[in-house]
């Protein structure tokens, strides 16, 4: 079954990879674990980020949440 045509950007393995070089992307969880992403080129997450990037961003998020909790501020 053929789906709708993808909005593939040349030089990017997925639609979500467009902002990779500027650090604006979000890593694809499937590709980061070495699995195949079912969305392929239509995936809204980055297929260029490796497992190390996914892990680093998770640690960065955790650190931010801890800092906010210590300061007593809210994220909203």
Protein backbone atom coordinates (compact mmCIF):
# COMPACT_ATOMS: atom_id res chain seq x y z
CA UNK A 1 0.00 0.00 0.00
CA UNK A 2 1.40 3.34 -1.00
CA UNK A 3 0.83 6.24 1.38
CA UNK A 4 0.75 9.92 0.59
CA UNK A 5 3.91 11.33 -1.02
CA UNK A 6 6.51 12.28 1.55
CA UNK A 7 7.71 15.82 2.09
CA UNK A 8 11.30 14.57 1.82
CA UNK A 9 14.02 17.18 1.97
CA UNK A 10 17.15 16.36 -0.07
CA UNK A 11 20.12 15.55 2.17
CA UNK A 12 17.94 14.67 5.17
CA UNK A 13 16.96 11.09 5.99
CA UNK A 14 13.70 12.27 7.58
CA UNK A 15 11.52 15.37 7.73
CA UNK A 16 12.48 15.82 11.40
CA UNK A 17 16.19 15.90 10.50
CA UNK A 18 15.90 19.34 8.85
CA UNK A 19 16.95 21.27 11.97
CA UNK A 20 19.72 18.82 12.96
CA UNK A 21 22.69 21.05 12.06
CA UNK A 22 21.24 23.90 14.12
CA UNK A 23 20.44 21.67 17.12
CA UNK A 24 16.70 22.20 16.68
CA UNK A 25 15.78 18.57 16.07
CA UNK A 26 14.42 15.87 18.36
CA UNK A 27 16.08 12.44 18.05
CA UNK A 28 13.98 9.52 16.78
CA UNK A 29 13.75 6.96 19.56
CA UNK A 30 13.66 4.02 17.16
CA UNK A 31 16.71 5.01 15.10
CA UNK A 32 18.60 5.90 18.29
CA UNK A 33 18.15 2.33 19.51
CA UNK A 34 19.30 0.84 16.20
CA UNK A 35 15.78 -0.14 15.12
CA UNK A 36 13.98 0.67 11.89
CA UNK A 37 11.56 3.57 12.06
CA UNK A 38 8.23 2.69 10.43
CA UNK A 39 7.67 6.32 9.41
CA UNK A 40 10.86 6.41 7.35
CA UNK A 41 11.42 9.73 5.54
CA UNK A 42 8.06 11.02 6.84
CA UNK A 43 9.18 10.75 10.50
CA UNK A 44 8.93 14.07 12.36
CA UNK A 45 11.95 13.11 14.47
CA UNK A 46 15.63 13.28 13.51
CA UNK A 47 17.28 10.21 11.98
CA UNK A 48 20.75 11.82 12.05
CA UNK A 49 21.10 11.86 15.85
CA UNK A 50 22.77 8.78 17.29
CA UNK A 51 22.24 7.08 20.63
CA UNK A 52 24.78 9.35 22.33
CA UNK A 53 22.82 12.45 21.32
CA UNK A 54 19.56 10.97 22.64
CA UNK A 55 21.25 10.16 25.94
CA UNK A 56 22.88 13.61 26.21
CA UNK A 57 19.59 15.41 25.62
CA UNK A 58 17.83 13.23 28.18
CA UNK A 59 20.52 14.10 30.76
CA UNK A 60 20.21 17.78 29.86
CA UNK A 61 16.42 17.65 30.39
CA UNK A 62 16.88 15.90 33.73
CA UNK A 63 19.38 18.53 34.86
CA UNK A 64 16.99 21.34 33.88
CA UNK A 65 14.10 19.76 35.78
CA UNK A 66 16.27 19.32 38.89
CA UNK A 67 17.39 22.93 38.73
CA UNK A 68 13.82 24.16 38.42
CA UNK A 69 12.73 21.94 41.32
CA UNK A 70 15.53 23.33 43.51
CA UNK A 71 14.65 26.93 42.71
CA UNK A 72 10.96 26.34 43.43
CA UNK A 73 9.90 27.69 40.03
CA UNK A 74 7.39 26.14 37.67
CA UNK A 75 7.99 25.43 33.99
CA UNK A 76 4.61 26.77 32.85
